[in-house]
Amino acid sequence: MPTRELGLTLLTCIREMFTTKGLASIPIVILSSSGHLEDIKTSYQHHANAYLVKTSEPGKTFSYLKDLCYFWQNTIISPRETARKKGFY
């Protein structure tokens, strides 16, 4: 596991890379064992799109990740999806 500082540095690097490559609309989701308010706030300040605290029950991890994927694929509407529905893509 990366340290908090290394994780935040990685988050910043990923966001910068996505932005320079024209991929800024790709969401970055933080999956952490920490539920500390400071960690959550700092992640959003470093441009995370979502912050989730890992389940402490290993048997529920797959279901948790499955629900996360469903949310990002079926619940949110991205600018690209809106443009596609309007015939721009």
PDB file of N, CA and C in Angstrom:
ATOM      1  N   MET A   1       0.829  -1.177   0.000  1.00  0.00           N
ATOM      2  CA  MET A   1       0.000   0.000   0.000  1.00  0.00           C
ATOM      3  C   MET A   1       0.882   1.253   0.000  1.00  0.00           C
ATOM      4  N   PRO A   2       0.504   2.230  -0.832  1.00  0.00           N
ATOM      5  CA  PRO A   2       1.284   3.469  -0.822  1.00  0.00           C
ATOM      6  C   PRO A   2       0.996   4.278   0.440  1.00  0.00           C
ATOM      7  N   THR A   3       1.945   5.106   0.793  1.00  0.00           N
ATOM      8  CA  THR A   3       1.716   6.026   1.899  1.00  0.00           C
ATOM      9  C   THR A   3       0.693   7.071   1.450  1.00  0.00           C
ATOM     10  N   ARG A   4       0.162   7.796   2.389  1.00  0.00           N
ATOM     11  CA  ARG A   4      -0.814   8.843   2.068  1.00  0.00           C
ATOM     12  C   ARG A   4      -0.206   9.850   1.084  1.00  0.00           C
ATOM     13  N   GLU A   5       1.011  10.294   1.364  1.00  0.00           N
ATOM     14  CA  GLU A   5       1.661  11.289   0.512  1.00  0.00           C
ATOM     15  C   GLU A   5       1.906  10.743  -0.891  1.00  0.00           C
ATOM     16  N   LEU A   6       2.364   9.500  -0.979  1.00  0.00           N
ATOM     17  CA  LEU A   6       2.609   8.896  -2.285  1.00  0.00           C
ATOM     18  C   LEU A   6       1.298   8.730  -3.055  1.00  0.00           C
ATOM     19  N   GLY A   7       0.243   8.357  -2.360  1.00  0.00           N
ATOM     20  CA  GLY A   7      -1.060   8.219  -2.997  1.00  0.00           C
ATOM     21  C   GLY A   7      -1.561   9.541  -3.551  1.00  0.00           C
ATOM     22  N   LEU A   8      -1.377  10.632  -2.805  1.00  0.00           N
ATOM     23  CA  LEU A   8      -1.805  11.943  -3.274  1.00  0.00           C
ATOM     24  C   LEU A   8      -0.963  12.411  -4.459  1.00  0.00           C
ATOM     25  N   THR A   9       0.323  12.108  -4.425  1.00  0.00           N
ATOM     26  CA  THR A   9       1.193  12.438  -5.555  1.00  0.00           C
ATOM     27  C   THR A   9       0.751  11.667  -6.795  1.00  0.00           C
ATOM     28  N   LEU A  10       0.449  10.393  -6.619  1.00  0.00           N
ATOM     29  CA  LEU A  10      -0.031   9.571  -7.731  1.00  0.00           C
ATOM     30  C   LEU A  10      -1.347  10.117  -8.280  1.00  0.00           C
ATOM     31  N   LEU A  11      -2.249  10.494  -7.402  1.00  0.00           N
ATOM     32  CA  LEU A  11      -3.524  11.062  -7.821  1.00  0.00           C
ATOM     33  C   LEU A  11      -3.307  12.316  -8.670  1.00  0.00           C
ATOM     34  N   THR A  12      -2.424  13.198  -8.229  1.00  0.00           N
ATOM     35  CA  THR A  12      -2.125  14.414  -8.979  1.00  0.00           C
ATOM     36  C   THR A  12      -1.528  14.086 -10.344  1.00  0.00           C
ATOM     37  N   CYS A  13      -0.610  13.132 -10.391  1.00  0.00           N
ATOM     38  CA  CYS A  13       0.022  12.738 -11.657  1.00  0.00           C
ATOM     39  C   CYS A  13      -0.987  12.138 -12.620  1.00  0.00           C
ATOM     40  N   ILE A  14      -1.867  11.293 -12.116  1.00  0.00           N
ATOM     41  CA  ILE A  14      -2.887  10.679 -12.973  1.00  0.00           C
ATOM     42  C   ILE A  14      -3.809  11.755 -13.544  1.00  0.00           C
ATOM     43  N   ARG A  15      -4.269  12.672 -12.690  1.00  0.00           N
ATOM     44  CA  ARG A  15      -5.159  13.731 -13.165  1.00  0.00           C
ATOM     45  C   ARG A  15      -4.464  14.589 -14.210  1.00  0.00           C
ATOM     46  N   GLU A  16      -3.204  14.953 -13.993  1.00  0.00           N
ATOM     47  CA  GLU A  16      -2.452  15.755 -14.963  1.00  0.00           C
ATOM     48  C   GLU A  16      -2.299  15.011 -16.283  1.00  0.00           C
ATOM     49  N   MET A  17      -1.988  13.705 -16.223  1.00  0.00           N
ATOM     50  CA  MET A  17      -1.836  12.914 -17.432  1.00  0.00           C
ATOM     51  C   MET A  17      -3.167  12.844 -18.188  1.00  0.00           C
ATOM     52  N   PHE A  18      -4.258  12.575 -17.474  1.00  0.00           N
ATOM     53  CA  PHE A  18      -5.565  12.508 -18.119  1.00  0.00           C
ATOM     54  C   PHE A  18      -5.905  13.836 -18.792  1.00  0.00           C
ATOM     55  N   THR A  19      -5.590  14.933 -18.128  1.00  0.00           N
ATOM     56  CA  THR A  19      -5.905  16.253 -18.671  1.00  0.00           C
ATOM     57  C   THR A  19      -5.096  16.541 -19.927  1.00  0.00           C
ATOM     58  N   THR A  20      -3.791  16.260 -19.890  1.00  0.00           N
ATOM     59  CA  THR A  20      -2.945  16.552 -21.049  1.00  0.00           C
ATOM     60  C   THR A  20      -3.244  15.633 -22.226  1.00  0.00           C
ATOM     61  N   LYS A  21      -3.777  14.452 -21.964  1.00  0.00           N
ATOM     62  CA  LYS A  21      -4.109  13.499 -23.036  1.00  0.00           C
ATOM     63  C   LYS A  21      -5.556  13.645 -23.513  1.00  0.00           C
ATOM     64  N   GLY A  22      -6.265  14.645 -23.003  1.00  0.00           N
ATOM     65  CA  GLY A  22      -7.651  14.852 -23.402  1.00  0.00           C
ATOM     66  C   GLY A  22      -8.616  13.859 -22.778  1.00  0.00           C
ATOM     67  N   LEU A  23      -8.245  13.314 -21.642  1.00  0.00           N
ATOM     68  CA  LEU A  23      -9.058  12.297 -20.977  1.00  0.00           C
ATOM     69  C   LEU A  23      -9.599  12.783 -19.631  1.00  0.00           C
ATOM     70  N   ALA A  24      -9.734  14.087 -19.479  1.00  0.00           N
ATOM     71  CA  ALA A  24     -10.115  14.659 -18.190  1.00  0.00           C
ATOM     72  C   ALA A  24     -11.489  14.196 -17.708  1.00  0.00           C
ATOM     73  N   SER A  25     -12.330  13.708 -18.613  1.00  0.00           N
ATOM     74  CA  SER A  25     -13.666  13.275 -18.187  1.00  0.00           C
ATOM     75  C   SER A  25     -13.666  11.866 -17.587  1.00  0.00           C
ATOM     76  N   ILE A  26     -12.533  11.168 -17.643  1.00  0.00           N
ATOM     77  CA  ILE A  26     -12.452   9.849 -17.018  1.00  0.00           C
ATOM     78  C   ILE A  26     -12.427  10.035 -15.502  1.00  0.00           C
ATOM     79  N   PRO A  27     -13.347   9.405 -14.803  1.00  0.00           N
ATOM     80  CA  PRO A  27     -13.398   9.608 -13.348  1.00  0.00           C
ATOM     81  C   PRO A  27     -12.260   8.912 -12.616  1.00  0.00           C
ATOM     82  N   ILE A  28     -11.806   9.545 -11.566  1.00  0.00           N
ATOM     83  CA  ILE A  28     -10.816   8.948 -10.677  1.00  0.00           C
ATOM     84  C   ILE A  28     -11.517   8.693  -9.350  1.00  0.00           C
ATOM     85  N   VAL A  29     -11.592   7.431  -8.985  1.00  0.00           N
ATOM     86  CA  VAL A  29     -12.279   7.019  -7.770  1.00  0.00           C
ATOM     87  C   VAL A  29     -11.236   6.523  -6.774  1.00  0.00           C
ATOM     88  N   ILE A  30     -11.250   7.091  -5.585  1.00  0.00           N
ATOM     89  CA  ILE A  30     -10.341   6.683  -4.527  1.00  0.00           C
ATOM     90  C   ILE A  30     -11.021   5.592  -3.707  1.00  0.00           C
ATOM     91  N   LEU A  31     -10.358   4.475  -3.559  1.00  0.00           N
ATOM     92  CA  LEU A  31     -10.832   3.373  -2.727  1.00  0.00           C
ATOM     93  C   LEU A  31      -9.821   3.229  -1.597  1.00  0.00           C
ATOM     94  N   SER A  32     -10.217   3.615  -0.398  1.00  0.00           N
ATOM     95  CA  SER A  32      -9.288   3.713   0.719  1.00  0.00           C
ATOM     96  C   SER A  32      -9.815   2.978   1.942  1.00  0.00           C
ATOM     97  N   SER A  33      -8.916   2.623   2.806  1.00  0.00           N
ATOM     98  CA  SER A  33      -9.328   2.053   4.090  1.00  0.00           C
ATOM     99  C   SER A  33      -9.571   3.157   5.115  1.00  0.00           C
ATOM    100  N   SER A  34      -9.218   4.397   4.768  1.00  0.00           N
ATOM    101  CA  SER A  34      -9.368   5.522   5.681  1.00  0.00           C
ATOM    102  C   SER A  34     -10.694   6.239   5.475  1.00  0.00           C
ATOM    103  N   GLY A  35     -11.378   6.476   6.554  1.00  0.00           N
ATOM    104  CA  GLY A  35     -12.584   7.274   6.522  1.00  0.00           C
ATOM    105  C   GLY A  35     -12.385   8.622   7.196  1.00  0.00           C
ATOM    106  N   HIS A  36     -11.126   9.001   7.391  1.00  0.00           N
ATOM    107  CA  HIS A  36     -10.812  10.266   8.055  1.00  0.00           C
ATOM    108  C   HIS A  36     -11.200  11.447   7.175  1.00  0.00           C
ATOM    109  N   LEU A  37     -11.888  12.404   7.734  1.00  0.00           N
ATOM    110  CA  LEU A  37     -12.368  13.560   6.993  1.00  0.00           C
ATOM    111  C   LEU A  37     -11.237  14.282   6.269  1.00  0.00           C
ATOM    112  N   GLU A  38     -10.093  14.410   6.900  1.00  0.00           N
ATOM    113  CA  GLU A  38      -8.960  15.105   6.270  1.00  0.00           C
ATOM    114  C   GLU A  38      -8.495  14.376   5.009  1.00  0.00           C
ATOM    115  N   ASP A  39      -8.455  13.044   5.041  1.00  0.00           N
ATOM    116  CA  ASP A  39      -8.065  12.269   3.853  1.00  0.00           C
ATOM    117  C   ASP A  39      -9.076  12.456   2.729  1.00  0.00           C
ATOM    118  N   ILE A  40     -10.342  12.475   3.079  1.00  0.00           N
ATOM    119  CA  ILE A  40     -11.403  12.645   2.086  1.00  0.00           C
ATOM    120  C   ILE A  40     -11.309  14.036   1.450  1.00  0.00           C
ATOM    121  N   LYS A  41     -11.215  15.070   2.284  1.00  0.00           N
ATOM    122  CA  LYS A  41     -11.126  16.432   1.772  1.00  0.00           C
ATOM    123  C   LYS A  41      -9.893  16.624   0.892  1.00  0.00           C
ATOM    124  N   THR A  42      -8.769  16.085   1.331  1.00  0.00           N
ATOM    125  CA  THR A  42      -7.528  16.234   0.563  1.00  0.00           C
ATOM    126  C   THR A  42      -7.623  15.531  -0.780  1.00  0.00           C
ATOM    127  N   SER A  43      -8.254  14.376  -0.819  1.00  0.00           N
ATOM    128  CA  SER A  43      -8.419  13.660  -2.096  1.00  0.00           C
ATOM    129  C   SER A  43      -9.237  14.478  -3.080  1.00  0.00           C
ATOM    130  N   TYR A  44     -10.328  15.076  -2.609  1.00  0.00           N
ATOM    131  CA  TYR A  44     -11.127  15.920  -3.495  1.00  0.00           C
ATOM    132  C   TYR A  44     -10.350  17.173  -3.914  1.00  0.00           C
ATOM    133  N   GLN A  45      -9.529  17.710  -3.034  1.00  0.00           N
ATOM    134  CA  GLN A  45      -8.702  18.870  -3.390  1.00  0.00           C
ATOM    135  C   GLN A  45      -7.685  18.509  -4.470  1.00  0.00           C
ATOM    136  N   HIS A  46      -7.312  17.232  -4.538  1.00  0.00           N
ATOM    137  CA  HIS A  46      -6.389  16.748  -5.567  1.00  0.00           C
ATOM    138  C   HIS A  46      -7.159  16.203  -6.770  1.00  0.00           C
ATOM    139  N   HIS A  47      -8.415  16.576  -6.904  1.00  0.00           N
ATOM    140  CA  HIS A  47      -9.251  16.314  -8.076  1.00  0.00           C
ATOM    141  C   HIS A  47      -9.739  14.878  -8.225  1.00  0.00           C
ATOM    142  N   ALA A  48      -9.944  14.194  -7.117  1.00  0.00           N
ATOM    143  CA  ALA A  48     -10.637  12.900  -7.182  1.00  0.00           C
ATOM    144  C   ALA A  48     -12.101  13.185  -7.495  1.00  0.00           C
ATOM    145  N   ASN A  49     -12.747  12.256  -8.191  1.00  0.00           N
ATOM    146  CA  ASN A  49     -14.171  12.414  -8.502  1.00  0.00           C
ATOM    147  C   ASN A  49     -15.071  11.737  -7.478  1.00  0.00           C
ATOM    148  N   ALA A  50     -14.525  10.785  -6.760  1.00  0.00           N
ATOM    149  CA  ALA A  50     -15.289  10.085  -5.732  1.00  0.00           C
ATOM    150  C   ALA A  50     -14.311   9.481  -4.734  1.00  0.00           C
ATOM    151  N   TYR A  51     -14.782   9.299  -3.520  1.00  0.00           N
ATOM    152  CA  TYR A  51     -13.965   8.719  -2.454  1.00  0.00           C
ATOM    153  C   TYR A  51     -14.811   7.668  -1.756  1.00  0.00           C
ATOM    154  N   LEU A  52     -14.334   6.442  -1.746  1.00  0.00           N
ATOM    155  CA  LEU A  52     -15.044   5.342  -1.112  1.00  0.00           C
ATOM    156  C   LEU A  52     -14.164   4.688  -0.063  1.00  0.00           C
ATOM    157  N   VAL A  53     -14.769   4.346   1.043  1.00  0.00           N
ATOM    158  CA  VAL A  53     -14.054   3.623   2.092  1.00  0.00           C
ATOM    159  C   VAL A  53     -14.300   2.138   1.873  1.00  0.00           C
ATOM    160  N   LYS A  54     -13.202   1.386   1.803  1.00  0.00           N
ATOM    161  CA  LYS A  54     -13.297  -0.062   1.579  1.00  0.00           C
ATOM    162  C   LYS A  54     -14.109  -0.734   2.674  1.00  0.00           C
ATOM    163  N   THR A  55     -14.816  -1.754   2.280  1.00  0.00           N
ATOM    164  CA  THR A  55     -15.534  -2.551   3.260  1.00  0.00           C
ATOM    165  C   THR A  55     -14.535  -3.341   4.103  1.00  0.00           C
ATOM    166  N   SER A  56     -14.846  -3.517   5.347  1.00  0.00           N
ATOM    167  CA  SER A  56     -13.954  -4.268   6.234  1.00  0.00           C
ATOM    168  C   SER A  56     -14.241  -5.762   6.169  1.00  0.00           C
ATOM    169  N   GLU A  57     -15.250  -6.150   5.398  1.00  0.00           N
ATOM    170  CA  GLU A  57     -15.624  -7.555   5.267  1.00  0.00           C
ATOM    171  C   GLU A  57     -15.184  -8.074   3.901  1.00  0.00           C
ATOM    172  N   PRO A  58     -14.119  -8.901   3.854  1.00  0.00           N
ATOM    173  CA  PRO A  58     -13.591  -9.385   2.582  1.00  0.00           C
ATOM    174  C   PRO A  58     -14.644 -10.055   1.699  1.00  0.00           C
ATOM    175  N   GLY A  59     -15.606 -10.715   2.282  1.00  0.00           N
ATOM    176  CA  GLY A  59     -16.638 -11.392   1.498  1.00  0.00           C
ATOM    177  C   GLY A  59     -17.555 -10.444   0.741  1.00  0.00           C
ATOM    178  N   LYS A  60     -17.585  -9.180   1.135  1.00  0.00           N
ATOM    179  CA  LYS A  60     -18.444  -8.194   0.486  1.00  0.00           C
ATOM    180  C   LYS A  60     -17.706  -7.336  -0.536  1.00  0.00           C
ATOM    181  N   THR A  61     -16.407  -7.540  -0.684  1.00  0.00           N
ATOM    182  CA  THR A  61     -15.618  -6.700  -1.575  1.00  0.00           C
ATOM    183  C   THR A  61     -16.098  -6.783  -3.014  1.00  0.00           C
ATOM    184  N   PHE A  62     -16.354  -7.982  -3.527  1.00  0.00           N
ATOM    185  CA  PHE A  62     -16.788  -8.126  -4.919  1.00  0.00           C
ATOM    186  C   PHE A  62     -18.108  -7.405  -5.143  1.00  0.00           C
ATOM    187  N   SER A  63     -19.051  -7.579  -4.248  1.00  0.00           N
ATOM    188  CA  SER A  63     -20.356  -6.923  -4.366  1.00  0.00           C
ATOM    189  C   SER A  63     -20.196  -5.404  -4.324  1.00  0.00           C
ATOM    190  N   TYR A  64     -19.331  -4.936  -3.474  1.00  0.00           N
ATOM    191  CA  TYR A  64     -19.056  -3.509  -3.326  1.00  0.00           C
ATOM    192  C   TYR A  64     -18.523  -2.937  -4.640  1.00  0.00           C
ATOM    193  N   LEU A  65     -17.546  -3.624  -5.237  1.00  0.00           N
ATOM    194  CA  LEU A  65     -16.960  -3.161  -6.495  1.00  0.00           C
ATOM    195  C   LEU A  65     -17.955  -3.275  -7.647  1.00  0.00           C
ATOM    196  N   LYS A  66     -18.765  -4.289  -7.625  1.00  0.00           N
ATOM    197  CA  LYS A  66     -19.801  -4.468  -8.644  1.00  0.00           C
ATOM    198  C   LYS A  66     -20.790  -3.295  -8.586  1.00  0.00           C
ATOM    199  N   ASP A  67     -21.202  -2.920  -7.379  1.00  0.00           N
ATOM    200  CA  ASP A  67     -22.111  -1.778  -7.215  1.00  0.00           C
ATOM    201  C   ASP A  67     -21.452  -0.487  -7.693  1.00  0.00           C
ATOM    202  N   LEU A  68     -20.161  -0.338  -7.424  1.00  0.00           N
ATOM    203  CA  LEU A  68     -19.429   0.839  -7.876  1.00  0.00           C
ATOM    204  C   LEU A  68     -19.429   0.920  -9.402  1.00  0.00           C
ATOM    205  N   CYS A  69     -19.128  -0.184 -10.060  1.00  0.00           N
ATOM    206  CA  CYS A  69     -19.122  -0.213 -11.529  1.00  0.00           C
ATOM    207  C   CYS A  69     -20.504   0.115 -12.085  1.00  0.00           C
ATOM    208  N   TYR A  70     -21.534  -0.442 -11.471  1.00  0.00           N
ATOM    209  CA  TYR A  70     -22.901  -0.163 -11.916  1.00  0.00           C
ATOM    210  C   TYR A  70     -23.187   1.335 -11.813  1.00  0.00           C
ATOM    211  N   PHE A  71     -22.806   1.934 -10.705  1.00  0.00           N
ATOM    212  CA  PHE A  71     -23.033   3.359 -10.515  1.00  0.00           C
ATOM    213  C   PHE A  71     -22.401   4.169 -11.633  1.00  0.00           C
ATOM    214  N   TRP A  72     -21.108   3.928 -11.930  1.00  0.00           N
ATOM    215  CA  TRP A  72     -20.411   4.723 -12.937  1.00  0.00           C
ATOM    216  C   TRP A  72     -20.903   4.430 -14.340  1.00  0.00           C
ATOM    217  N   GLN A  73     -21.403   3.234 -14.588  1.00  0.00           N
ATOM    218  CA  GLN A  73     -21.863   2.907 -15.933  1.00  0.00           C
ATOM    219  C   GLN A  73     -23.323   3.272 -16.180  1.00  0.00           C
ATOM    220  N   ASN A  74     -24.141   3.278 -15.147  1.00  0.00           N
ATOM    221  CA  ASN A  74     -25.576   3.411 -15.356  1.00  0.00           C
ATOM    222  C   ASN A  74     -26.251   4.572 -14.642  1.00  0.00           C
ATOM    223  N   THR A  75     -25.587   5.198 -13.721  1.00  0.00           N
ATOM    224  CA  THR A  75     -26.253   6.227 -12.928  1.00  0.00           C
ATOM    225  C   THR A  75     -25.833   7.634 -13.326  1.00  0.00           C
ATOM    226  N   ILE A  76     -24.543   7.858 -13.491  1.00  0.00           N
ATOM    227  CA  ILE A  76     -24.082   9.206 -13.811  1.00  0.00           C
ATOM    228  C   ILE A  76     -24.224   9.480 -15.304  1.00  0.00           C
ATOM    229  N   ILE A  77     -24.242  10.736 -15.652  1.00  0.00           N
ATOM    230  CA  ILE A  77     -24.250  11.155 -17.053  1.00  0.00           C
ATOM    231  C   ILE A  77     -23.040  12.053 -17.246  1.00  0.00           C
ATOM    232  N   SER A  78     -22.168  11.660 -18.165  1.00  0.00           N
ATOM    233  CA  SER A  78     -20.968  12.443 -18.438  1.00  0.00           C
ATOM    234  C   SER A  78     -21.241  13.408 -19.587  1.00  0.00           C
ATOM    235  N   PRO A  79     -20.405  14.435 -19.735  1.00  0.00           N
ATOM    236  CA  PRO A  79     -20.571  15.345 -20.875  1.00  0.00           C
ATOM    237  C   PRO A  79     -20.488  14.606 -22.209  1.00  0.00           C
ATOM    238  N   ARG A  80     -19.615  13.622 -22.292  1.00  0.00           N
ATOM    239  CA  ARG A  80     -19.465  12.867 -23.544  1.00  0.00           C
ATOM    240  C   ARG A  80     -20.737  12.084 -23.857  1.00  0.00           C
ATOM    241  N   GLU A  81     -21.326  11.468 -22.841  1.00  0.00           N
ATOM    242  CA  GLU A  81     -22.569  10.713 -23.034  1.00  0.00           C
ATOM    243  C   GLU A  81     -23.687  11.640 -23.499  1.00  0.00           C
ATOM    244  N   THR A  82     -23.758  12.822 -22.931  1.00  0.00           N
ATOM    245  CA  THR A  82     -24.770  13.788 -23.340  1.00  0.00           C
ATOM    246  C   THR A  82     -24.571  14.182 -24.794  1.00  0.00           C
ATOM    247  N   ALA A  83     -23.315  14.446 -25.180  1.00  0.00           N
ATOM    248  CA  ALA A  83     -23.016  14.809 -26.567  1.00  0.00           C
ATOM    249  C   ALA A  83     -23.353  13.669 -27.526  1.00  0.00           C
ATOM    250  N   ARG A  84     -23.070  12.438 -27.127  1.00  0.00           N
ATOM    251  CA  ARG A  84     -23.362  11.270 -27.963  1.00  0.00           C
ATOM    252  C   ARG A  84     -24.877  11.161 -28.178  1.00  0.00           C
ATOM    253  N   LYS A  85     -25.655  11.354 -27.137  1.00  0.00           N
ATOM    254  CA  LYS A  85     -27.114  11.267 -27.257  1.00  0.00           C
ATOM    255  C   LYS A  85     -27.662  12.364 -28.164  1.00  0.00           C
ATOM    256  N   LYS A  86     -26.965  13.491 -28.226  1.00  0.00           N
ATOM    257  CA  LYS A  86     -27.418  14.585 -29.086  1.00  0.00           C
ATOM    258  C   LYS A  86     -26.844  14.488 -30.497  1.00  0.00           C
ATOM    259  N   GLY A  87     -26.090  13.420 -30.770  1.00  0.00           N
ATOM    260  CA  GLY A  87     -25.579  13.189 -32.114  1.00  0.00           C
ATOM    261  C   GLY A  87     -24.256  13.847 -32.450  1.00  0.00           C
ATOM    262  N   PHE A  88     -23.541  14.331 -31.436  1.00  0.00           N
ATOM    263  CA  PHE A  88     -22.254  14.960 -31.707  1.00  0.00           C
ATOM    264  C   PHE A  88     -21.132  13.940 -31.849  1.00  0.00           C
ATOM    265  N   TYR A  89     -21.359  12.699 -31.401  1.00  0.00           N
ATOM    266  CA  TYR A  89     -20.336  11.646 -31.508  1.00  0.00           C
ATOM    267  C   TYR A  89     -20.910  10.505 -32.297  1.00  0.00           C
TER     268      TYR A  89
END
